[in-house]
């Protein structure tokens, strides 16, 4: 990989680790011994760490991210300089914080990273200064695979729906992420599923987000062994047999029902829901003629 680096200023591109670069003629350029640190799994600021973090507070979050993703330790002087510079985090844009949070939540070593960098985390999110809350979060992260959506939900779990929404918006998350998080957490607040409700939720979330749902339910102890086993069984049925799980997957739509004489408005939604329920239960094939026939009966 080739990198650009401004050696004269002793400040390298923010995407570099430990100030190494590759030159096509000269090979690896390593003026400060970064390669040895990488071999040892150590992150160390170049030169005076206080100056490095004063130049760009985002480097504090990148150190946490590299620790979470790579499992590296942070050299003591660098780590303490990070802690002394945490006030600079308030000048970072919400978008930059969100981006680093995204990568950090994908890390296999996130628990170690947050334990080592607790002052950074608690400065970003002061509500996690409450030690029991912080310890519970780490325990749940420990029980969760490196799944961004699942960990975002666990991060938000202790708060009210309004607090969650405010935090998601303040961090500039996109509408799809906000919708998925909201739907997932809402359904975990009432997890007494049957096959129909599970399949409908699957139809809204999709397989990947449904895996996140199960991971969160397990981490917080909401889904017991039997319920989790049922959910996994239903998920296998859906994926293996390509079961219809949403109204948009039905072989008929609202326009078909209008042509059939179903009054427009809520009545169309009610009929579609009944068709979907019977398809999920296996009482009716997801075939156009069969669906239209039942719809005709429902409106007579």
Protein backbone atom coordinates (compact mmCIF):
# COMPACT_ATOMS: atom_id res chain seq x y z
CA UNK A 1 0.00 0.00 0.00
CA UNK A 2 1.29 3.48 -0.83
CA UNK A 3 0.88 6.38 1.52
CA UNK A 4 1.61 10.11 1.32
CA UNK A 5 3.34 11.57 4.33
CA UNK A 6 4.62 15.06 5.10
CA UNK A 7 7.85 14.24 6.87
CA UNK A 8 8.86 17.91 7.21
CA UNK A 9 5.95 18.63 9.55
CA UNK A 10 6.29 15.33 11.44
CA UNK A 11 2.54 14.92 10.98
CA UNK A 12 1.38 12.07 8.78
CA UNK A 13 -1.93 11.39 7.12
CA UNK A 14 -4.55 10.56 9.75
CA UNK A 15 -5.08 7.15 8.12
CA UNK A 16 -1.56 6.02 8.99
CA UNK A 17 -0.67 3.96 12.03
CA UNK A 18 2.64 4.65 13.79
CA UNK A 19 3.96 6.95 11.03
CA UNK A 20 5.06 4.42 8.46
CA UNK A 21 4.82 4.84 4.71
CA UNK A 22 5.82 2.94 1.61
CA UNK A 23 7.94 4.44 -1.16
CA UNK A 24 8.00 2.60 -4.52
CA UNK A 25 11.79 2.96 -4.81
CA UNK A 26 12.94 3.13 -1.19
CA UNK A 27 10.52 0.60 0.28
CA UNK A 28 9.23 0.92 3.85
CA UNK A 29 9.92 4.28 5.47
CA UNK A 30 9.88 3.95 9.24
CA UNK A 31 11.63 6.95 10.87
CA UNK A 32 10.24 6.45 14.38
CA UNK A 33 10.30 2.68 14.84
CA UNK A 34 6.63 2.12 14.18
CA UNK A 35 7.14 -1.31 12.66
CA UNK A 36 8.48 -2.72 15.92
CA UNK A 37 5.50 -1.28 17.78
CA UNK A 38 3.12 -2.91 15.31
CA UNK A 39 4.87 -6.24 15.78
CA UNK A 40 4.35 -5.85 19.50
CA UNK A 41 0.74 -4.68 19.08
CA UNK A 42 1.34 -1.20 20.52
CA UNK A 43 -0.07 2.15 19.45
CA UNK A 44 2.23 5.10 20.14
CA UNK A 45 1.88 8.76 19.16
CA UNK A 46 4.69 10.25 17.08
CA UNK A 47 6.81 12.66 19.10
CA UNK A 48 4.96 14.56 21.81
CA UNK A 49 1.54 12.88 22.20
CA UNK A 50 -0.02 15.99 23.72
CA UNK A 51 0.85 17.95 20.58
CA UNK A 52 -0.54 15.21 18.34
CA UNK A 53 -3.92 15.20 20.09
CA UNK A 54 -4.02 18.98 20.32
CA UNK A 55 -3.60 19.11 16.52
CA UNK A 56 -6.61 16.84 15.95
CA UNK A 57 -8.77 15.38 18.72
CA UNK A 58 -10.12 12.82 16.26
CA UNK A 59 -6.87 10.92 16.82
CA UNK A 60 -8.14 10.11 20.30
CA UNK A 61 -11.12 8.26 18.84
CA UNK A 62 -8.99 6.60 16.19
CA UNK A 63 -6.74 5.21 18.90
CA UNK A 64 -9.81 3.73 20.63
CA UNK A 65 -10.98 2.34 17.28
CA UNK A 66 -7.63 0.69 16.49
CA UNK A 67 -7.56 -0.74 19.99
CA UNK A 68 -11.08 -2.18 19.53
CA UNK A 69 -10.52 -3.54 16.02
CA UNK A 70 -6.90 -4.70 16.22
CA UNK A 71 -6.65 -5.55 19.90
CA UNK A 72 -3.59 -3.30 20.32
CA UNK A 73 -2.50 -1.79 23.60
CA UNK A 74 -1.93 1.95 23.80
CA UNK A 75 1.48 3.04 25.08
CA UNK A 76 1.11 4.68 28.50
CA UNK A 77 2.28 8.21 27.63
CA UNK A 78 0.02 8.19 24.60
CA UNK A 79 -2.95 6.91 26.59
CA UNK A 80 -2.54 9.45 29.39
CA UNK A 81 -2.14 12.24 26.84
CA UNK A 82 -5.43 11.09 25.31
CA UNK A 83 -7.13 11.39 28.68
CA UNK A 84 -5.71 14.86 29.25
CA UNK A 85 -6.94 15.97 25.82
CA UNK A 86 -10.52 14.68 26.00
CA UNK A 87 -11.96 18.19 26.22
CA UNK A 88 -11.02 18.56 22.56
CA UNK A 89 -13.64 15.96 21.65
CA UNK A 90 -16.40 18.55 22.07
CA UNK A 91 -15.12 20.37 18.99
CA UNK A 92 -15.50 17.33 16.73
CA UNK A 93 -18.46 17.12 14.40
CA UNK A 94 -21.16 14.61 15.23
CA UNK A 95 -20.58 12.94 11.85
CA UNK A 96 -16.93 12.23 12.65
CA UNK A 97 -17.83 10.80 16.06
CA UNK A 98 -20.52 8.62 14.48
CA UNK A 99 -18.07 7.26 11.91
CA UNK A 100 -15.55 6.25 14.57
CA UNK A 101 -18.33 4.72 16.65
CA UNK A 102 -19.37 2.65 13.64
CA UNK A 103 -15.90 1.12 13.25
CA UNK A 104 -15.37 0.71 16.99
CA UNK A 105 -18.62 -1.22 17.38
CA UNK A 106 -17.35 -3.68 14.76
CA UNK A 107 -14.27 -4.49 16.86
CA UNK A 108 -13.63 -7.91 18.34
CA UNK A 109 -11.74 -6.26 21.19
CA UNK A 110 -14.24 -3.53 22.05
CA UNK A 111 -14.51 -4.48 25.72
CA UNK A 112 -10.75 -4.19 26.28
CA UNK A 113 -10.68 -0.93 24.33
CA UNK A 114 -13.44 0.70 26.39
CA UNK A 115 -11.94 -0.52 29.65
CA UNK A 116 -8.55 0.96 28.73
CA UNK A 117 -10.08 4.19 27.41
CA UNK A 118 -12.94 4.69 29.86
CA UNK A 119 -12.32 8.47 30.32
CA UNK A 120 -12.69 8.95 26.56
CA UNK A 121 -15.97 7.03 26.42
CA UNK A 122 -17.36 8.77 29.49
CA UNK A 123 -16.46 12.19 28.10
CA UNK A 124 -18.26 11.44 24.85
CA UNK A 125 -21.25 9.94 26.65
CA UNK A 126 -21.45 11.38 30.19
CA UNK A 127 -24.40 9.15 31.15
CA UNK A 128 -21.94 6.23 31.17
CA UNK A 129 -20.04 7.79 34.07
CA UNK A 130 -22.47 5.78 36.17
CA UNK A 131 -20.22 2.80 36.90
CA UNK A 132 -22.92 0.12 37.07
CA UNK A 133 -24.30 1.27 33.72
CA UNK A 134 -20.84 1.17 32.17
CA UNK A 135 -20.04 -2.27 33.63
CA UNK A 136 -23.37 -3.67 32.37
CA UNK A 137 -22.67 -2.32 28.90
CA UNK A 138 -19.29 -4.06 28.80
CA UNK A 139 -20.83 -7.33 29.99
CA UNK A 140 -23.40 -7.19 27.21
CA UNK A 141 -20.82 -6.29 24.58
CA UNK A 142 -18.81 -9.29 25.76
CA UNK A 143 -21.79 -11.54 24.98
CA UNK A 144 -22.43 -10.01 21.57
CA UNK A 145 -20.64 -10.69 18.25
CA UNK A 146 -19.07 -7.73 16.36
CA UNK A 147 -22.42 -6.64 15.02
CA UNK A 148 -22.85 -2.87 14.68
CA UNK A 149 -26.65 -2.76 14.89
CA UNK A 150 -26.76 -5.09 17.89
CA UNK A 151 -24.13 -3.10 19.77
CA UNK A 152 -25.78 0.20 18.92
CA UNK A 153 -29.02 -1.16 20.40
CA UNK A 154 -27.21 -2.32 23.53
CA UNK A 155 -25.59 1.10 23.84
CA UNK A 156 -29.07 2.68 23.73
CA UNK A 157 -30.84 0.01 25.80
CA UNK A 158 -30.92 1.81 29.19
CA UNK A 159 -32.70 4.88 27.84
CA UNK A 160 -36.27 5.86 27.01
CA UNK A 161 -37.50 5.84 23.38
CA UNK A 162 -37.32 9.64 23.29
CA UNK A 163 -33.77 9.70 24.67
CA UNK A 164 -32.71 7.07 22.15
CA UNK A 165 -34.19 9.02 19.27
CA UNK A 166 -32.53 12.26 20.39
CA UNK A 167 -29.15 10.57 20.66
CA UNK A 168 -29.43 8.88 17.27
CA UNK A 169 -30.35 12.18 15.63
CA UNK A 170 -27.62 14.07 17.47
CA UNK A 171 -25.04 11.62 16.11
CA UNK A 172 -26.43 12.13 12.59
CA UNK A 173 -27.35 8.51 11.95
CA UNK A 174 -29.13 7.86 8.67
CA UNK A 175 -32.87 7.24 8.55
CA UNK A 176 -32.51 3.52 7.78
CA UNK A 177 -30.36 2.90 10.85
CA UNK A 178 -32.72 4.92 13.04
CA UNK A 179 -35.74 3.01 11.70
CA UNK A 180 -34.10 -0.40 12.24
CA UNK A 181 -32.94 0.45 15.76
CA UNK A 182 -36.37 1.80 16.69
CA UNK A 183 -38.20 -1.23 15.30
CA UNK A 184 -35.79 -3.69 16.90
CA UNK A 185 -35.92 -2.13 20.35
CA UNK A 186 -39.69 -1.70 20.19
CA UNK A 187 -40.20 -5.39 19.46
CA UNK A 188 -37.76 -6.44 22.18
CA UNK A 189 -39.94 -4.61 24.68
CA UNK A 190 -42.73 -7.15 23.94
CA UNK A 191 -40.94 -10.35 22.91
CA UNK A 192 -43.76 -12.91 23.27
CA UNK A 193 -43.57 -13.95 19.64
CA UNK A 194 -45.54 -16.40 17.67
CA UNK A 195 -44.53 -17.43 14.18
CA UNK A 196 -46.68 -14.78 12.50
CA UNK A 197 -45.29 -11.84 14.47
CA UNK A 198 -41.75 -13.14 14.05
CA UNK A 199 -42.12 -13.52 10.28
CA UNK A 200 -43.62 -10.05 9.95
CA UNK A 201 -40.71 -8.56 11.87
CA UNK A 202 -38.31 -10.54 9.68
CA UNK A 203 -40.05 -9.10 6.63
CA UNK A 204 -39.40 -5.57 7.93
CA UNK A 205 -35.84 -6.05 9.19
CA UNK A 206 -34.33 -8.64 6.86
CA UNK A 207 -32.02 -11.53 7.80
CA UNK A 208 -28.96 -9.54 8.91
CA UNK A 209 -30.89 -7.19 11.19
CA UNK A 210 -32.90 -10.13 12.51
CA UNK A 211 -29.63 -11.73 13.61
CA UNK A 212 -28.91 -8.48 15.45
CA UNK A 213 -32.33 -8.71 17.08
CA UNK A 214 -31.57 -12.19 18.41
CA UNK A 215 -28.13 -11.11 19.62
CA UNK A 216 -29.56 -8.20 21.60
CA UNK A 217 -32.35 -10.33 23.04
CA UNK A 218 -29.80 -12.85 24.24
CA UNK A 219 -27.42 -10.23 25.65
CA UNK A 220 -30.07 -8.48 27.75
CA UNK A 221 -31.78 -11.73 28.79
CA UNK A 222 -35.10 -10.92 27.14
CA UNK A 223 -35.30 -14.01 24.92
CA UNK A 224 -35.22 -17.18 26.99
CA UNK A 225 -33.80 -20.46 25.67
CA UNK A 226 -37.12 -21.72 24.30
CA UNK A 227 -38.06 -18.44 22.61
CA UNK A 228 -34.63 -18.13 21.06
CA UNK A 229 -34.82 -21.72 19.79
CA UNK A 230 -38.24 -21.00 18.28
CA UNK A 231 -36.93 -17.84 16.60
CA UNK A 232 -33.95 -19.70 15.13
CA UNK A 233 -36.28 -22.45 13.86
CA UNK A 234 -38.57 -19.90 12.21
CA UNK A 235 -35.62 -18.06 10.71
CA UNK A 236 -34.35 -21.30 9.20
CA UNK A 237 -37.79 -21.95 7.68
CA UNK A 238 -37.91 -18.45 6.22
CA UNK A 239 -34.43 -18.56 4.69
CA UNK A 240 -34.52 -22.15 3.42
CA UNK A 241 -38.04 -22.07 2.01
CA UNK A 242 -38.13 -18.38 1.03
CA UNK A 243 -41.33 -17.85 2.99
CA UNK A 244 -43.39 -14.75 2.32
CA UNK A 245 -42.98 -12.43 5.32
CA UNK A 246 -44.31 -9.08 4.22
CA UNK A 247 -47.24 -7.64 2.26
CA UNK A 248 -44.91 -6.47 -0.48
CA UNK A 249 -43.92 -10.11 -1.07
CA UNK A 250 -47.50 -11.22 -1.62
CA UNK A 251 -48.45 -12.21 -5.16
CA UNK A 252 -51.19 -9.54 -5.09
CA UNK A 253 -51.17 -5.89 -4.07
CA UNK A 254 -53.56 -3.07 -3.25
CA UNK A 255 -54.29 -2.30 -6.89
CA UNK A 256 -55.40 -5.89 -7.45
CA UNK A 257 -57.80 -5.60 -4.54
CA UNK A 258 -59.21 -2.32 -5.84
CA UNK A 259 -59.98 -4.00 -9.15
CA UNK A 260 -61.66 -6.76 -7.18
CA UNK A 261 -63.97 -4.23 -5.60
CA UNK A 262 -62.33 -3.84 -2.20
CA UNK A 263 -63.01 -0.29 -0.92
CA UNK A 264 -59.93 1.91 -0.82
CA UNK A 265 -58.40 2.87 2.52
CA UNK A 266 -58.01 0.75 5.65
CA UNK A 267 -60.08 -2.10 4.26
CA UNK A 268 -57.37 -2.89 1.71
CA UNK A 269 -54.74 -3.07 4.46
CA UNK A 270 -56.97 -5.32 6.55
CA UNK A 271 -57.47 -7.76 3.67
CA UNK A 272 -53.76 -7.82 2.80
CA UNK A 273 -52.91 -8.54 6.45
CA UNK A 274 -55.31 -11.47 6.51
CA UNK A 275 -53.86 -12.84 3.27
CA UNK A 276 -50.35 -12.52 4.70
CA UNK A 277 -51.35 -14.26 7.92
CA UNK A 278 -52.78 -17.24 6.08
CA UNK A 279 -49.73 -17.49 3.83
CA UNK A 280 -47.36 -17.44 6.84
CA UNK A 281 -49.46 -20.09 8.62
CA UNK A 282 -49.25 -22.27 5.52
CA UNK A 283 -53.00 -22.29 5.02
CA UNK A 284 -52.76 -20.56 1.66
CA UNK A 285 -50.11 -20.65 -1.08
CA UNK A 286 -48.61 -17.33 -2.13
CA UNK A 287 -50.18 -17.61 -5.55
CA UNK A 288 -52.19 -14.90 -7.29
CA UNK A 289 -55.36 -16.90 -8.01
CA UNK A 290 -55.53 -18.40 -4.52
CA UNK A 291 -55.04 -14.98 -2.90
CA UNK A 292 -57.65 -13.29 -5.10
CA UNK A 293 -60.12 -16.07 -4.39
CA UNK A 294 -59.79 -15.63 -0.63
CA UNK A 295 -59.88 -11.83 -0.98
CA UNK A 296 -63.16 -12.16 -2.87
CA UNK A 297 -64.60 -14.20 -0.02
CA UNK A 298 -63.42 -11.67 2.58
CA UNK A 299 -65.18 -8.74 0.93
CA UNK A 300 -68.48 -10.47 0.24
